[in-house]
Amino acid sequence: MGYVRVKVKVRNPQQRTLEAHVELLADTGAIYSVIPSRTLESIKIERRSMRRMRLADGRVIEKYLGIAEIEVSGETAHSSVIFGKDEDASVLGVTALEELGLQVDPLTGELKPMELLLLPRL
């Protein structure tokens, strides 16, 4: 299948005219989306808190987390984003994908709408 790269608009939720266009790797193994700090700073995304993360080599690091509006294929959601360094992979994580109602189609290697389920009142 290869990698699924996605063109994404990232906006400041309080000042929607502040936006950036980025290409991210759709990563269903990543909880959060990671976007370069310089991109998030350019649209004035606020650093809200820190998150601890374990790297593949076992080290534990901390990264800043913010909230951004993310738009993919006409779908929009507010989602948590990690302030990444230049050497970090820029990814669209599974939380954002689910909030957008999208999933990776393993046959085509593209994003497609997911079937959203709702439990009726019992």
C-alpha atoms as a PDB file:
ATOM      1  CA  MET A   1       0.000   0.000   0.000  1.00  0.00           C
ATOM      2  CA  GLY A   2       2.801   2.473   0.795  1.00  0.00           C
ATOM      3  CA  TYR A   3       2.386   5.762   2.578  1.00  0.00           C
ATOM      4  CA  VAL A   4      -0.793   7.843   2.573  1.00  0.00           C
ATOM      5  CA  ARG A   5       0.074  11.537   2.271  1.00  0.00           C
ATOM      6  CA  VAL A   6      -2.703  14.040   2.871  1.00  0.00           C
ATOM      7  CA  LYS A   7      -3.015  17.738   2.005  1.00  0.00           C
ATOM      8  CA  VAL A   8      -4.323  19.480   5.109  1.00  0.00           C
ATOM      9  CA  LYS A   9      -5.427  22.993   6.027  1.00  0.00           C
ATOM     10  CA  VAL A  10      -4.575  23.877   9.621  1.00  0.00           C
ATOM     11  CA  ARG A  11      -6.333  26.905  11.130  1.00  0.00           C
ATOM     12  CA  ASN A  12      -6.387  28.859  14.338  1.00  0.00           C
ATOM     13  CA  PRO A  13      -9.860  28.088  15.768  1.00  0.00           C
ATOM     14  CA  GLN A  14     -10.199  31.596  17.255  1.00  0.00           C
ATOM     15  CA  GLN A  15      -8.861  33.437  14.182  1.00  0.00           C
ATOM     16  CA  ARG A  16      -9.939  31.320  11.219  1.00  0.00           C
ATOM     17  CA  THR A  17      -8.241  33.596   8.691  1.00  0.00           C
ATOM     18  CA  LEU A  18      -4.902  32.361  10.062  1.00  0.00           C
ATOM     19  CA  GLU A  19      -4.253  29.113   8.202  1.00  0.00           C
ATOM     20  CA  ALA A  20      -1.420  27.034   6.819  1.00  0.00           C
ATOM     21  CA  HIS A  21      -1.333  24.330   4.162  1.00  0.00           C
ATOM     22  CA  VAL A  22       0.715  21.254   5.032  1.00  0.00           C
ATOM     23  CA  GLU A  23       1.188  17.735   3.745  1.00  0.00           C
ATOM     24  CA  LEU A  24       0.961  15.116   6.482  1.00  0.00           C
ATOM     25  CA  LEU A  25       1.447  11.371   6.592  1.00  0.00           C
ATOM     26  CA  ALA A  26      -1.788   9.652   7.700  1.00  0.00           C
ATOM     27  CA  ASP A  27      -0.624   7.496  10.615  1.00  0.00           C
ATOM     28  CA  THR A  28      -3.243   5.262  12.227  1.00  0.00           C
ATOM     29  CA  GLY A  29      -0.646   4.203  14.794  1.00  0.00           C
ATOM     30  CA  ALA A  30      -0.212   7.767  16.097  1.00  0.00           C
ATOM     31  CA  ILE A  31      -2.727   9.091  18.605  1.00  0.00           C
ATOM     32  CA  TYR A  32      -2.025  12.795  18.000  1.00  0.00           C
ATOM     33  CA  SER A  33      -1.204  14.758  14.872  1.00  0.00           C
ATOM     34  CA  VAL A  34       2.303  16.230  14.794  1.00  0.00           C
ATOM     35  CA  ILE A  35       2.813  19.512  12.953  1.00  0.00           C
ATOM     36  CA  PRO A  36       6.039  21.551  12.878  1.00  0.00           C
ATOM     37  CA  SER A  37       6.151  24.165  15.640  1.00  0.00           C
ATOM     38  CA  ARG A  38       7.038  26.913  13.161  1.00  0.00           C
ATOM     39  CA  THR A  39       3.825  26.182  11.222  1.00  0.00           C
ATOM     40  CA  LEU A  40       1.652  26.231  14.346  1.00  0.00           C
ATOM     41  CA  GLU A  41       3.375  29.380  15.622  1.00  0.00           C
ATOM     42  CA  SER A  42       2.823  31.118  12.260  1.00  0.00           C
ATOM     43  CA  ILE A  43      -0.953  30.776  12.749  1.00  0.00           C
ATOM     44  CA  LYS A  44      -0.743  31.598  16.464  1.00  0.00           C
ATOM     45  CA  ILE A  45      -1.814  28.220  17.871  1.00  0.00           C
ATOM     46  CA  GLU A  46      -1.535  28.418  21.655  1.00  0.00           C
ATOM     47  CA  ARG A  47       0.579  25.915  23.595  1.00  0.00           C
ATOM     48  CA  ARG A  48      -1.889  24.544  26.148  1.00  0.00           C
ATOM     49  CA  SER A  49      -0.181  21.695  27.972  1.00  0.00           C
ATOM     50  CA  MET A  50       2.587  19.112  27.794  1.00  0.00           C
ATOM     51  CA  ARG A  51       2.283  15.425  26.899  1.00  0.00           C
ATOM     52  CA  ARG A  52       4.774  12.690  27.716  1.00  0.00           C
ATOM     53  CA  MET A  53       5.585  10.328  24.873  1.00  0.00           C
ATOM     54  CA  ARG A  54       7.734   7.258  24.492  1.00  0.00           C
ATOM     55  CA  LEU A  55       9.937   7.066  21.414  1.00  0.00           C
ATOM     56  CA  ALA A  56      10.657   3.857  19.501  1.00  0.00           C
ATOM     57  CA  ASP A  57      14.097   3.685  21.187  1.00  0.00           C
ATOM     58  CA  GLY A  58      12.445   3.712  24.639  1.00  0.00           C
ATOM     59  CA  ARG A  59      13.255   7.307  25.603  1.00  0.00           C
ATOM     60  CA  VAL A  60      10.463   9.379  27.143  1.00  0.00           C
ATOM     61  CA  ILE A  61      10.127  12.995  26.000  1.00  0.00           C
ATOM     62  CA  GLU A  62       7.664  15.829  26.510  1.00  0.00           C
ATOM     63  CA  LYS A  63       6.054  17.901  23.754  1.00  0.00           C
ATOM     64  CA  TYR A  64       3.657  20.829  23.784  1.00  0.00           C
ATOM     65  CA  LEU A  65       0.048  20.240  22.778  1.00  0.00           C
ATOM     66  CA  GLY A  66      -2.408  22.751  21.279  1.00  0.00           C
ATOM     67  CA  ILE A  67      -5.816  22.780  19.632  1.00  0.00           C
ATOM     68  CA  ALA A  68      -6.149  23.499  15.901  1.00  0.00           C
ATOM     69  CA  GLU A  69      -8.901  23.349  13.321  1.00  0.00           C
ATOM     70  CA  ILE A  70      -7.987  20.746  10.716  1.00  0.00           C
ATOM     71  CA  GLU A  71      -9.592  20.460   7.276  1.00  0.00           C
ATOM     72  CA  VAL A  72      -9.163  17.445   5.013  1.00  0.00           C
ATOM     73  CA  SER A  73     -11.215  16.752   1.882  1.00  0.00           C
ATOM     74  CA  GLY A  74     -13.832  19.325   2.911  1.00  0.00           C
ATOM     75  CA  GLU A  75     -14.284  17.841   6.396  1.00  0.00           C
ATOM     76  CA  THR A  76     -13.370  20.019   9.380  1.00  0.00           C
ATOM     77  CA  ALA A  77     -12.711  19.270  13.065  1.00  0.00           C
ATOM     78  CA  HIS A  78     -10.965  20.800  16.045  1.00  0.00           C
ATOM     79  CA  SER A  79      -8.215  18.469  17.171  1.00  0.00           C
ATOM     80  CA  SER A  80      -5.227  18.210  19.494  1.00  0.00           C
ATOM     81  CA  VAL A  81      -1.908  18.793  17.752  1.00  0.00           C
ATOM     82  CA  ILE A  82       1.645  18.256  18.939  1.00  0.00           C
ATOM     83  CA  PHE A  83       4.233  20.988  18.347  1.00  0.00           C
ATOM     84  CA  GLY A  84       6.871  19.046  16.397  1.00  0.00           C
ATOM     85  CA  LYS A  85      10.515  19.759  15.752  1.00  0.00           C
ATOM     86  CA  ASP A  86      11.903  20.006  12.219  1.00  0.00           C
ATOM     87  CA  GLU A  87      13.280  16.459  12.490  1.00  0.00           C
ATOM     88  CA  ASP A  88       9.952  14.982  13.682  1.00  0.00           C
ATOM     89  CA  ALA A  89       7.678  13.248  11.192  1.00  0.00           C
ATOM     90  CA  SER A  90       4.647  15.406  10.349  1.00  0.00           C
ATOM     91  CA  VAL A  91       1.623  13.147  10.773  1.00  0.00           C
ATOM     92  CA  LEU A  92      -2.150  13.181  10.806  1.00  0.00           C
ATOM     93  CA  GLY A  93      -2.978  10.979  13.788  1.00  0.00           C
ATOM     94  CA  VAL A  94      -5.898   8.650  14.353  1.00  0.00           C
ATOM     95  CA  THR A  95      -7.671  11.029  16.759  1.00  0.00           C
ATOM     96  CA  ALA A  96      -7.947  13.697  14.042  1.00  0.00           C
ATOM     97  CA  LEU A  97      -8.920  11.095  11.442  1.00  0.00           C
ATOM     98  CA  GLU A  98     -11.749   9.858  13.660  1.00  0.00           C
ATOM     99  CA  GLU A  99     -12.879  13.400  14.489  1.00  0.00           C
ATOM    100  CA  LEU A 100     -12.985  14.101  10.754  1.00  0.00           C
ATOM    101  CA  GLY A 101     -14.955  10.886  10.132  1.00  0.00           C
ATOM    102  CA  LEU A 102     -12.229   9.539   7.841  1.00  0.00           C
ATOM    103  CA  GLN A 103     -10.285   6.298   7.651  1.00  0.00           C
ATOM    104  CA  VAL A 104      -7.417   4.940   5.585  1.00  0.00           C
ATOM    105  CA  ASP A 105      -8.587   2.507   2.918  1.00  0.00           C
ATOM    106  CA  PRO A 106      -5.907  -0.224   2.882  1.00  0.00           C
ATOM    107  CA  LEU A 107      -6.834  -1.289  -0.661  1.00  0.00           C
ATOM    108  CA  THR A 108      -6.536   2.109  -2.337  1.00  0.00           C
ATOM    109  CA  GLY A 109      -4.172   3.836   0.084  1.00  0.00           C
ATOM    110  CA  GLU A 110      -6.517   6.816   0.226  1.00  0.00           C
ATOM    111  CA  LEU A 111      -8.750   8.380   2.846  1.00  0.00           C
ATOM    112  CA  LYS A 112     -12.438   7.571   2.723  1.00  0.00           C
ATOM    113  CA  PRO A 113     -15.440   8.372   4.916  1.00  0.00           C
ATOM    114  CA  MET A 114     -15.856   5.962   7.798  1.00  0.00           C
ATOM    115  CA  GLU A 115     -19.141   4.457   8.867  1.00  0.00           C
ATOM    116  CA  LEU A 116     -20.127   6.372  11.976  1.00  0.00           C
ATOM    117  CA  LEU A 117     -22.029   4.370  14.552  1.00  0.00           C
ATOM    118  CA  LEU A 118     -24.438   5.648  17.178  1.00  0.00           C
ATOM    119  CA  LEU A 119     -25.942   3.519  19.916  1.00  0.00           C
ATOM    120  CA  PRO A 120     -29.692   4.139  20.108  1.00  0.00           C
ATOM    121  CA  ARG A 121     -31.332   4.732  23.430  1.00  0.00           C
ATOM    122  CA  LEU A 122     -32.205   1.464  25.134  1.00  0.00           C
END
